[in-house]
Amino acid sequence: MKKVSTAAAKQKRNVSEEQLTIGLDLGGRSSWNCVLDERGEVLLEQRVARLRKPIDR
């Protein structure tokens, strides 16, 4: 396993300080997800279809 250097871990990232809320509605045939900003405004809302067949592992 490769060790992560402390210099790489301390790098600053260009990430907004805004807090987001993510909601999931898991349904039988499809699911919905929604992302809200701090003011409660919808940034993203989308439906995701379920797979018809389970994935063999």
N, C-alpha and C. Protein backbone atom coordinates (compact mmCIF):
# COMPACT_ATOMS: atom_id res chain seq x y z
N MET A 1 0.84 -1.16 0.00
CA MET A 1 0.00 0.00 0.00
C MET A 1 0.89 1.24 0.00
N LYS A 2 0.60 2.20 -0.83
CA LYS A 2 1.40 3.40 -0.95
C LYS A 2 1.01 4.41 0.14
N LYS A 3 1.99 4.97 0.79
CA LYS A 3 1.75 5.95 1.84
C LYS A 3 1.47 7.32 1.20
N VAL A 4 0.47 8.00 1.71
CA VAL A 4 0.14 9.34 1.23
C VAL A 4 1.05 10.33 1.95
N SER A 5 1.72 11.17 1.17
CA SER A 5 2.61 12.13 1.80
C SER A 5 1.81 13.23 2.49
N THR A 6 2.36 13.77 3.57
CA THR A 6 1.67 14.84 4.29
C THR A 6 1.62 16.11 3.45
N ALA A 7 2.60 16.32 2.58
CA ALA A 7 2.60 17.51 1.72
C ALA A 7 1.42 17.45 0.76
N ALA A 8 1.13 16.28 0.20
CA ALA A 8 0.00 16.14 -0.72
C ALA A 8 -1.32 16.27 0.02
N ALA A 9 -1.37 15.78 1.23
CA ALA A 9 -2.61 15.84 2.00
C ALA A 9 -2.93 17.26 2.45
N LYS A 10 -1.93 18.12 2.59
CA LYS A 10 -2.16 19.48 3.07
C LYS A 10 -2.38 20.50 1.95
N GLN A 11 -2.39 20.04 0.70
CA GLN A 11 -2.60 20.96 -0.41
C GLN A 11 -3.98 21.60 -0.32
N LYS A 12 -4.04 22.88 -0.65
CA LYS A 12 -5.32 23.57 -0.65
C LYS A 12 -6.08 23.21 -1.92
N ARG A 13 -7.35 23.04 -1.76
CA ARG A 13 -8.21 22.73 -2.90
C ARG A 13 -9.11 23.92 -3.16
N ASN A 14 -9.47 24.11 -4.40
CA ASN A 14 -10.36 25.19 -4.78
C ASN A 14 -11.80 24.73 -4.63
N VAL A 15 -12.27 24.67 -3.37
CA VAL A 15 -13.60 24.18 -3.06
C VAL A 15 -14.38 25.30 -2.39
N SER A 16 -15.61 25.45 -2.79
CA SER A 16 -16.48 26.47 -2.21
C SER A 16 -16.74 26.15 -0.74
N GLU A 17 -16.90 27.18 0.06
CA GLU A 17 -17.19 27.00 1.48
C GLU A 17 -18.69 26.79 1.72
N GLU A 18 -19.49 26.84 0.67
CA GLU A 18 -20.93 26.70 0.80
C GLU A 18 -21.31 25.27 1.22
N GLN A 19 -22.25 25.16 2.14
CA GLN A 19 -22.75 23.87 2.59
C GLN A 19 -23.87 23.41 1.67
N LEU A 20 -23.85 22.15 1.28
CA LEU A 20 -24.87 21.57 0.43
C LEU A 20 -25.61 20.48 1.20
N THR A 21 -26.87 20.27 0.84
CA THR A 21 -27.67 19.18 1.40
C THR A 21 -28.07 18.27 0.26
N ILE A 22 -27.86 16.97 0.46
CA ILE A 22 -28.19 15.99 -0.57
C ILE A 22 -29.26 15.06 -0.02
N GLY A 23 -30.33 14.88 -0.79
CA GLY A 23 -31.42 14.00 -0.39
C GLY A 23 -31.60 12.88 -1.39
N LEU A 24 -31.93 11.69 -0.89
CA LEU A 24 -32.16 10.52 -1.74
C LEU A 24 -33.52 9.93 -1.43
N ASP A 25 -34.26 9.58 -2.48
CA ASP A 25 -35.53 8.88 -2.34
C ASP A 25 -35.38 7.57 -3.11
N LEU A 26 -35.19 6.48 -2.39
CA LEU A 26 -34.94 5.19 -3.01
C LEU A 26 -36.27 4.47 -3.22
N GLY A 27 -36.61 4.25 -4.47
CA GLY A 27 -37.89 3.61 -4.80
C GLY A 27 -37.70 2.24 -5.41
N GLY A 28 -38.82 1.60 -5.74
CA GLY A 28 -38.78 0.25 -6.30
C GLY A 28 -38.28 0.21 -7.72
N ARG A 29 -38.79 1.09 -8.58
CA ARG A 29 -38.39 1.08 -9.99
C ARG A 29 -37.40 2.17 -10.34
N SER A 30 -37.42 3.24 -9.58
CA SER A 30 -36.47 4.33 -9.82
C SER A 30 -36.21 5.06 -8.51
N SER A 31 -35.19 5.88 -8.51
CA SER A 31 -34.82 6.67 -7.34
C SER A 31 -34.65 8.12 -7.77
N TRP A 32 -34.74 9.03 -6.83
CA TRP A 32 -34.55 10.45 -7.09
C TRP A 32 -33.45 10.97 -6.18
N ASN A 33 -32.67 11.92 -6.68
CA ASN A 33 -31.73 12.63 -5.81
C ASN A 33 -31.91 14.12 -6.02
N CYS A 34 -31.58 14.87 -4.98
CA CYS A 34 -31.78 16.30 -5.00
C CYS A 34 -30.64 16.96 -4.21
N VAL A 35 -30.09 18.06 -4.75
CA VAL A 35 -29.04 18.80 -4.08
C VAL A 35 -29.55 20.22 -3.83
N LEU A 36 -29.49 20.65 -2.58
CA LEU A 36 -29.93 21.99 -2.18
C LEU A 36 -28.75 22.81 -1.69
N ASP A 37 -28.79 24.13 -1.94
CA ASP A 37 -27.76 25.00 -1.39
C ASP A 37 -28.17 25.45 0.00
N GLU A 38 -27.40 26.35 0.62
CA GLU A 38 -27.68 26.81 1.99
C GLU A 38 -29.01 27.53 2.11
N ARG A 39 -29.47 28.14 1.02
CA ARG A 39 -30.74 28.88 1.03
C ARG A 39 -31.94 27.97 0.77
N GLY A 40 -31.69 26.71 0.47
CA GLY A 40 -32.77 25.78 0.18
C GLY A 40 -33.15 25.76 -1.30
N GLU A 41 -32.36 26.43 -2.13
CA GLU A 41 -32.61 26.44 -3.57
C GLU A 41 -32.14 25.12 -4.17
N VAL A 42 -32.92 24.57 -5.09
CA VAL A 42 -32.57 23.31 -5.74
C VAL A 42 -31.48 23.56 -6.78
N LEU A 43 -30.34 22.90 -6.61
CA LEU A 43 -29.25 22.99 -7.57
C LEU A 43 -29.33 21.87 -8.60
N LEU A 44 -29.79 20.70 -8.17
CA LEU A 44 -29.88 19.54 -9.06
C LEU A 44 -30.97 18.63 -8.55
N GLU A 45 -31.79 18.15 -9.45
CA GLU A 45 -32.82 17.17 -9.12
C GLU A 45 -32.90 16.22 -10.30
N GLN A 46 -32.74 14.92 -10.04
CA GLN A 46 -32.77 13.98 -11.15
C GLN A 46 -33.29 12.62 -10.73
N ARG A 47 -33.88 11.94 -11.70
CA ARG A 47 -34.39 10.59 -11.52
C ARG A 47 -33.34 9.62 -12.04
N VAL A 48 -33.14 8.53 -11.29
CA VAL A 48 -32.18 7.51 -11.69
C VAL A 48 -32.93 6.19 -11.75
N ALA A 49 -32.92 5.56 -12.93
CA ALA A 49 -33.61 4.28 -13.09
C ALA A 49 -32.80 3.16 -12.44
N ARG A 50 -33.49 2.20 -11.89
CA ARG A 50 -32.82 1.03 -11.32
C ARG A 50 -32.42 0.08 -12.41
N LEU A 51 -31.41 -0.72 -12.13
CA LEU A 51 -31.01 -1.78 -13.05
C LEU A 51 -32.10 -2.85 -13.04
N ARG A 52 -32.38 -3.41 -14.20
CA ARG A 52 -33.41 -4.45 -14.27
C ARG A 52 -32.92 -5.78 -13.72
N LYS A 53 -31.62 -6.02 -13.85
CA LYS A 53 -31.05 -7.29 -13.45
C LYS A 53 -29.92 -7.04 -12.45
N PRO A 54 -29.84 -7.77 -11.35
CA PRO A 54 -28.71 -7.59 -10.42
C PRO A 54 -27.39 -7.93 -11.09
N ILE A 55 -26.34 -7.27 -10.68
CA ILE A 55 -25.01 -7.53 -11.21
C ILE A 55 -24.43 -8.76 -10.52
N ASP A 56 -23.97 -9.74 -11.32
CA ASP A 56 -23.33 -10.93 -10.76
C ASP A 56 -21.94 -10.58 -10.26
N ARG A 57 -21.61 -11.08 -9.09
CA ARG A 57 -20.27 -10.80 -8.53
C ARG A 57 -19.56 -12.07 -8.26
